[in-house]
Amino acid sequence: QVQLVESGGGLVQAGGSLRLSCAASGRILSIYTMGWYRQAPGKQRELVAHIPNAGNTNYADSVKGRFTISRDNAKNTVYLQMTALKPEETAVYYCNAGVIGTDYRDREVWGQGTLVTVSS
């Protein structure tokens, strides 16, 4: 079993900043990619950013220059630093990871989500 636990969501005013964290735990052999998605009310879940083990990070066009994704591989943790937040970015933010378990099986894992509310 592999679990992702997010933290750092909350209420922030427009223009403010928040930092989300997501820690992976369980029977992990390796994590080859980690990322953040979000789902606003009435909308589909969308990619915010992802960071693979190798290669470049990838951001949604709408967050480029304002959000930064980073990883601490020693802690199996991914972060999302969000700045200049907009009310339309109110959503549940989900952590996602591509994981090879100790059983050598490849699995995609999701966190439970953390709510970010941006007030105008």
N, C-alpha and C. Protein backbone atom coordinates (compact mmCIF):
# COMPACT_ATOMS: atom_id res chain seq x y z
N GLN A 1 0.83 -1.19 0.00
CA GLN A 1 0.00 0.00 0.00
C GLN A 1 0.87 1.24 0.00
N VAL A 2 0.43 2.22 -0.78
CA VAL A 2 1.12 3.51 -0.83
C VAL A 2 0.08 4.59 -0.58
N GLN A 3 0.44 5.54 0.26
CA GLN A 3 -0.48 6.63 0.57
C GLN A 3 0.18 7.97 0.30
N LEU A 4 -0.66 8.93 -0.11
CA LEU A 4 -0.23 10.32 -0.26
C LEU A 4 -1.07 11.16 0.68
N VAL A 5 -0.40 12.00 1.45
CA VAL A 5 -1.11 12.86 2.39
C VAL A 5 -0.73 14.30 2.10
N GLU A 6 -1.74 15.10 1.75
CA GLU A 6 -1.52 16.52 1.44
C GLU A 6 -1.75 17.37 2.68
N SER A 7 -1.13 18.53 2.68
CA SER A 7 -1.36 19.51 3.73
C SER A 7 -1.06 20.89 3.16
N GLY A 8 -1.53 21.91 3.87
CA GLY A 8 -1.19 23.28 3.50
C GLY A 8 -2.31 24.07 2.86
N GLY A 9 -3.43 23.43 2.59
CA GLY A 9 -4.54 24.18 2.03
C GLY A 9 -5.15 25.12 3.06
N GLY A 10 -6.04 25.96 2.59
CA GLY A 10 -6.70 26.90 3.49
C GLY A 10 -7.28 28.07 2.75
N LEU A 11 -7.59 29.10 3.52
CA LEU A 11 -8.20 30.31 2.99
C LEU A 11 -7.14 31.40 2.84
N VAL A 12 -7.11 32.02 1.69
CA VAL A 12 -6.15 33.08 1.43
C VAL A 12 -6.83 34.17 0.60
N GLN A 13 -6.39 35.39 0.77
CA GLN A 13 -6.95 36.48 -0.04
C GLN A 13 -6.32 36.47 -1.43
N ALA A 14 -7.05 37.03 -2.37
CA ALA A 14 -6.51 37.15 -3.72
C ALA A 14 -5.18 37.90 -3.68
N GLY A 15 -4.23 37.37 -4.43
CA GLY A 15 -2.89 37.95 -4.43
C GLY A 15 -1.96 37.33 -3.41
N GLY A 16 -2.51 36.50 -2.55
CA GLY A 16 -1.72 35.89 -1.50
C GLY A 16 -1.02 34.63 -1.95
N SER A 17 -0.37 33.98 -0.98
CA SER A 17 0.44 32.79 -1.27
C SER A 17 0.07 31.65 -0.33
N LEU A 18 0.29 30.45 -0.82
CA LEU A 18 0.15 29.24 -0.02
C LEU A 18 1.18 28.24 -0.50
N ARG A 19 1.56 27.36 0.41
CA ARG A 19 2.48 26.28 0.06
C ARG A 19 1.82 24.96 0.43
N LEU A 20 1.63 24.12 -0.56
CA LEU A 20 1.08 22.79 -0.35
C LEU A 20 2.22 21.78 -0.25
N SER A 21 1.98 20.77 0.58
CA SER A 21 2.93 19.67 0.72
C SER A 21 2.20 18.35 0.53
N CYS A 22 2.93 17.37 0.04
CA CYS A 22 2.36 16.04 -0.14
C CYS A 22 3.46 15.02 0.14
N ALA A 23 3.22 14.19 1.14
CA ALA A 23 4.18 13.18 1.53
C ALA A 23 3.69 11.79 1.16
N ALA A 24 4.54 11.03 0.54
CA ALA A 24 4.22 9.66 0.18
C ALA A 24 4.80 8.72 1.22
N SER A 25 4.04 7.68 1.52
CA SER A 25 4.52 6.69 2.48
C SER A 25 3.99 5.32 2.10
N GLY A 26 4.61 4.30 2.68
CA GLY A 26 4.17 2.94 2.42
C GLY A 26 5.27 2.12 1.78
N ARG A 27 4.86 1.12 1.05
CA ARG A 27 5.81 0.16 0.46
C ARG A 27 6.28 0.67 -0.89
N ILE A 28 7.21 1.61 -0.81
CA ILE A 28 7.69 2.31 -1.99
C ILE A 28 9.09 1.87 -2.36
N LEU A 29 9.25 1.49 -3.61
CA LEU A 29 10.58 1.21 -4.12
C LEU A 29 11.15 2.47 -4.76
N SER A 30 10.32 3.11 -5.58
CA SER A 30 10.74 4.37 -6.18
C SER A 30 9.51 5.16 -6.61
N ILE A 31 9.70 6.46 -6.68
CA ILE A 31 8.65 7.38 -7.17
C ILE A 31 9.21 8.06 -8.41
N TYR A 32 8.62 7.81 -9.57
CA TYR A 32 9.22 8.34 -10.79
C TYR A 32 8.60 9.65 -11.24
N THR A 33 7.45 10.01 -10.69
CA THR A 33 6.89 11.32 -10.98
C THR A 33 5.93 11.71 -9.87
N MET A 34 5.85 13.00 -9.62
CA MET A 34 4.89 13.53 -8.65
C MET A 34 4.30 14.80 -9.24
N GLY A 35 3.07 15.07 -8.85
CA GLY A 35 2.44 16.25 -9.42
C GLY A 35 1.24 16.71 -8.63
N TRP A 36 0.69 17.82 -9.06
CA TRP A 36 -0.49 18.42 -8.47
C TRP A 36 -1.55 18.64 -9.54
N TYR A 37 -2.77 18.30 -9.18
CA TYR A 37 -3.94 18.58 -10.00
C TYR A 37 -4.91 19.39 -9.15
N ARG A 38 -5.90 19.97 -9.80
CA ARG A 38 -6.93 20.67 -9.04
C ARG A 38 -8.28 20.48 -9.72
N GLN A 39 -9.31 20.57 -8.90
CA GLN A 39 -10.66 20.45 -9.41
C GLN A 39 -11.53 21.51 -8.75
N ALA A 40 -11.97 22.45 -9.55
CA ALA A 40 -12.86 23.51 -9.08
C ALA A 40 -14.30 23.00 -9.14
N PRO A 41 -15.18 23.61 -8.38
CA PRO A 41 -16.58 23.18 -8.38
C PRO A 41 -17.17 23.21 -9.78
N GLY A 42 -17.76 22.09 -10.18
CA GLY A 42 -18.41 22.02 -11.47
C GLY A 42 -17.49 21.87 -12.66
N LYS A 43 -16.19 21.70 -12.38
CA LYS A 43 -15.23 21.59 -13.48
C LYS A 43 -14.48 20.28 -13.39
N GLN A 44 -13.81 19.94 -14.50
CA GLN A 44 -13.00 18.72 -14.52
C GLN A 44 -11.67 18.94 -13.81
N ARG A 45 -11.13 17.84 -13.34
CA ARG A 45 -9.81 17.90 -12.72
C ARG A 45 -8.78 18.25 -13.81
N GLU A 46 -7.85 19.13 -13.45
CA GLU A 46 -6.84 19.57 -14.42
C GLU A 46 -5.46 19.53 -13.80
N LEU A 47 -4.48 19.32 -14.66
CA LEU A 47 -3.09 19.32 -14.22
C LEU A 47 -2.66 20.74 -13.86
N VAL A 48 -1.99 20.86 -12.72
CA VAL A 48 -1.39 22.14 -12.34
C VAL A 48 0.10 22.11 -12.65
N ALA A 49 0.77 21.08 -12.17
CA ALA A 49 2.20 20.96 -12.40
C ALA A 49 2.64 19.54 -12.08
N HIS A 50 3.71 19.10 -12.77
CA HIS A 50 4.27 17.82 -12.36
C HIS A 50 5.78 17.85 -12.54
N ILE A 51 6.43 17.00 -11.76
CA ILE A 51 7.88 16.99 -11.73
C ILE A 51 8.35 15.54 -11.77
N PRO A 52 8.95 15.15 -12.88
CA PRO A 52 9.43 13.78 -13.01
C PRO A 52 10.81 13.63 -12.38
N ASN A 53 11.28 12.38 -12.28
CA ASN A 53 12.63 12.16 -11.77
C ASN A 53 13.67 12.77 -12.69
N ALA A 54 13.41 12.63 -13.97
CA ALA A 54 14.33 13.18 -14.96
C ALA A 54 13.53 14.01 -15.95
N GLY A 55 14.16 15.02 -16.45
CA GLY A 55 13.45 15.86 -17.40
C GLY A 55 12.91 17.11 -16.74
N ASN A 56 12.22 17.88 -17.54
CA ASN A 56 11.75 19.18 -17.07
C ASN A 56 10.44 19.10 -16.31
N THR A 57 10.24 20.05 -15.43
CA THR A 57 8.94 20.19 -14.81
C THR A 57 7.95 20.71 -15.85
N ASN A 58 6.69 20.51 -15.57
CA ASN A 58 5.64 20.89 -16.52
C ASN A 58 4.56 21.65 -15.76
N TYR A 59 4.15 22.80 -16.28
CA TYR A 59 3.14 23.62 -15.63
C TYR A 59 1.98 23.90 -16.58
N ALA A 60 0.81 24.03 -16.01
CA ALA A 60 -0.31 24.56 -16.80
C ALA A 60 0.01 26.00 -17.17
N ASP A 61 -0.39 26.40 -18.34
CA ASP A 61 -0.09 27.76 -18.80
C ASP A 61 -0.61 28.80 -17.82
N SER A 62 -1.72 28.52 -17.20
CA SER A 62 -2.36 29.52 -16.33
C SER A 62 -1.57 29.79 -15.05
N VAL A 63 -0.64 28.89 -14.69
CA VAL A 63 0.09 29.08 -13.43
C VAL A 63 1.57 29.38 -13.65
N LYS A 64 2.01 29.36 -14.88
CA LYS A 64 3.44 29.59 -15.16
C LYS A 64 3.85 30.97 -14.63
N GLY A 65 4.98 30.98 -13.95
CA GLY A 65 5.49 32.23 -13.40
C GLY A 65 4.96 32.55 -12.02
N ARG A 66 3.94 31.84 -11.58
CA ARG A 66 3.37 32.10 -10.25
C ARG A 66 3.49 30.90 -9.31
N PHE A 67 3.43 29.71 -9.85
CA PHE A 67 3.52 28.48 -9.05
C PHE A 67 4.87 27.82 -9.29
N THR A 68 5.39 27.19 -8.24
CA THR A 68 6.63 26.45 -8.36
C THR A 68 6.47 25.08 -7.70
N ILE A 69 6.78 24.04 -8.46
CA ILE A 69 6.74 22.69 -7.91
C ILE A 69 8.16 22.25 -7.61
N SER A 70 8.32 21.52 -6.49
CA SER A 70 9.64 21.02 -6.13
C SER A 70 9.48 19.70 -5.38
N ARG A 71 10.59 18.96 -5.30
CA ARG A 71 10.56 17.65 -4.62
C ARG A 71 11.71 17.53 -3.66
N ASP A 72 11.46 16.80 -2.58
CA ASP A 72 12.51 16.36 -1.67
C ASP A 72 12.47 14.84 -1.73
N ASN A 73 13.36 14.27 -2.53
CA ASN A 73 13.32 12.83 -2.76
C ASN A 73 13.64 12.04 -1.48
N ALA A 74 14.46 12.61 -0.63
CA ALA A 74 14.80 11.92 0.61
C ALA A 74 13.58 11.77 1.51
N LYS A 75 12.63 12.69 1.36
CA LYS A 75 11.42 12.65 2.18
C LYS A 75 10.20 12.16 1.41
N ASN A 76 10.40 11.79 0.14
CA ASN A 76 9.27 11.38 -0.71
C ASN A 76 8.16 12.42 -0.67
N THR A 77 8.55 13.67 -0.77
CA THR A 77 7.60 14.77 -0.62
C THR A 77 7.69 15.72 -1.81
N VAL A 78 6.52 16.19 -2.22
CA VAL A 78 6.44 17.19 -3.28
C VAL A 78 5.75 18.42 -2.71
N TYR A 79 6.18 19.58 -3.18
CA TYR A 79 5.64 20.84 -2.72
C TYR A 79 5.09 21.63 -3.90
N LEU A 80 4.14 22.49 -3.60
CA LEU A 80 3.64 23.43 -4.59
C LEU A 80 3.56 24.80 -3.93
N GLN A 81 4.46 25.67 -4.33
CA GLN A 81 4.44 27.05 -3.84
C GLN A 81 3.58 27.86 -4.79
N MET A 82 2.53 28.44 -4.26
CA MET A 82 1.59 29.19 -5.08
C MET A 82 1.62 30.66 -4.66
N THR A 83 1.79 31.53 -5.61
CA THR A 83 1.80 32.97 -5.33
C THR A 83 0.79 33.66 -6.25
N ALA A 84 0.48 34.89 -5.90
CA ALA A 84 -0.45 35.71 -6.70
C ALA A 84 -1.72 34.93 -7.01
N LEU A 85 -2.28 34.31 -6.00
CA LEU A 85 -3.46 33.46 -6.20
C LEU A 85 -4.67 34.29 -6.62
N LYS A 86 -5.51 33.65 -7.42
CA LYS A 86 -6.70 34.29 -7.96
C LYS A 86 -7.95 33.58 -7.44
N PRO A 87 -9.04 34.29 -7.30
CA PRO A 87 -10.27 33.64 -6.81
C PRO A 87 -10.70 32.44 -7.65
N GLU A 88 -10.47 32.50 -8.94
CA GLU A 88 -10.86 31.38 -9.80
C GLU A 88 -10.00 30.14 -9.61
N GLU A 89 -8.97 30.26 -8.78
CA GLU A 89 -8.13 29.10 -8.47
C GLU A 89 -8.61 28.38 -7.21
N THR A 90 -9.73 28.80 -6.69
CA THR A 90 -10.36 28.06 -5.61
C THR A 90 -10.72 26.67 -6.11
N ALA A 91 -10.21 25.66 -5.41
CA ALA A 91 -10.39 24.29 -5.86
C ALA A 91 -9.88 23.34 -4.81
N VAL A 92 -10.18 22.08 -5.00
CA VAL A 92 -9.52 21.03 -4.24
C VAL A 92 -8.26 20.64 -5.02
N TYR A 93 -7.15 20.69 -4.36
CA TYR A 93 -5.86 20.37 -4.97
C TYR A 93 -5.47 18.95 -4.57
N TYR A 94 -5.16 18.15 -5.58
CA TYR A 94 -4.84 16.75 -5.37
C TYR A 94 -3.38 16.47 -5.72
N CYS A 95 -2.75 15.70 -4.89
CA CYS A 95 -1.41 15.20 -5.17
C CYS A 95 -1.51 13.90 -5.94
N ASN A 96 -0.57 13.69 -6.83
CA ASN A 96 -0.56 12.49 -7.67
C ASN A 96 0.88 11.99 -7.78
N ALA A 97 1.04 10.69 -7.80
CA ALA A 97 2.39 10.14 -7.93
C ALA A 97 2.37 8.86 -8.75
N GLY A 98 3.41 8.67 -9.50
CA GLY A 98 3.67 7.41 -10.18
C GLY A 98 4.70 6.66 -9.35
N VAL A 99 4.33 5.48 -8.89
CA VAL A 99 5.13 4.79 -7.88
C VAL A 99 5.40 3.35 -8.30
N ILE A 100 6.61 2.91 -8.06
CA ILE A 100 6.93 1.48 -8.14
C ILE A 100 6.96 0.97 -6.71
N GLY A 101 6.07 0.03 -6.41
CA GLY A 101 6.02 -0.49 -5.06
C GLY A 101 7.09 -1.54 -4.82
N THR A 102 7.19 -1.99 -3.59
CA THR A 102 8.17 -3.02 -3.26
C THR A 102 7.79 -4.35 -3.89
N ASP A 103 6.57 -4.45 -4.42
CA ASP A 103 6.17 -5.63 -5.16
C ASP A 103 6.52 -5.49 -6.65
N TYR A 104 7.21 -4.39 -7.00
CA TYR A 104 7.64 -4.10 -8.36
C TYR A 104 6.49 -3.79 -9.30
N ARG A 105 5.33 -3.49 -8.73
CA ARG A 105 4.19 -3.11 -9.54
C ARG A 105 4.14 -1.59 -9.68
N ASP A 106 3.78 -1.14 -10.86
CA ASP A 106 3.65 0.28 -11.17
C ASP A 106 2.23 0.71 -10.84
N ARG A 107 2.09 1.76 -10.08
CA ARG A 107 0.75 2.21 -9.71
C ARG A 107 0.69 3.73 -9.70
N GLU A 108 -0.48 4.23 -10.01
CA GLU A 108 -0.74 5.66 -9.90
C GLU A 108 -1.52 5.88 -8.61
N VAL A 109 -1.06 6.82 -7.81
CA VAL A 109 -1.64 7.03 -6.49
C VAL A 109 -2.13 8.48 -6.39
N TRP A 110 -3.27 8.66 -5.74
CA TRP A 110 -3.84 9.99 -5.50
C TRP A 110 -3.98 10.26 -4.01
N GLY A 111 -3.79 11.50 -3.65
CA GLY A 111 -4.08 11.92 -2.30
C GLY A 111 -5.57 12.20 -2.15
N GLN A 112 -5.94 12.55 -0.93
CA GLN A 112 -7.35 12.78 -0.64
C GLN A 112 -7.79 14.20 -1.01
N GLY A 113 -6.85 15.05 -1.28
CA GLY A 113 -7.16 16.42 -1.68
C GLY A 113 -7.11 17.39 -0.52
N THR A 114 -6.74 18.61 -0.84
CA THR A 114 -6.75 19.68 0.16
C THR A 114 -7.40 20.91 -0.48
N LEU A 115 -8.29 21.54 0.26
CA LEU A 115 -9.07 22.65 -0.27
C LEU A 115 -8.30 23.95 -0.17
N VAL A 116 -8.24 24.64 -1.29
CA VAL A 116 -7.67 25.99 -1.34
C VAL A 116 -8.80 26.94 -1.72
N THR A 117 -9.03 27.92 -0.86
CA THR A 117 -10.08 28.91 -1.12
C THR A 117 -9.42 30.27 -1.22
N VAL A 118 -9.64 30.94 -2.35
CA VAL A 118 -9.06 32.26 -2.57
C VAL A 118 -10.20 33.27 -2.58
N SER A 119 -10.20 34.15 -1.61
CA SER A 119 -11.27 35.14 -1.50
C SER A 119 -10.92 36.41 -2.26
N SER A 120 -11.95 37.04 -2.78
CA SER A 120 -11.72 38.27 -3.57
C SER A 120 -11.77 39.51 -2.70
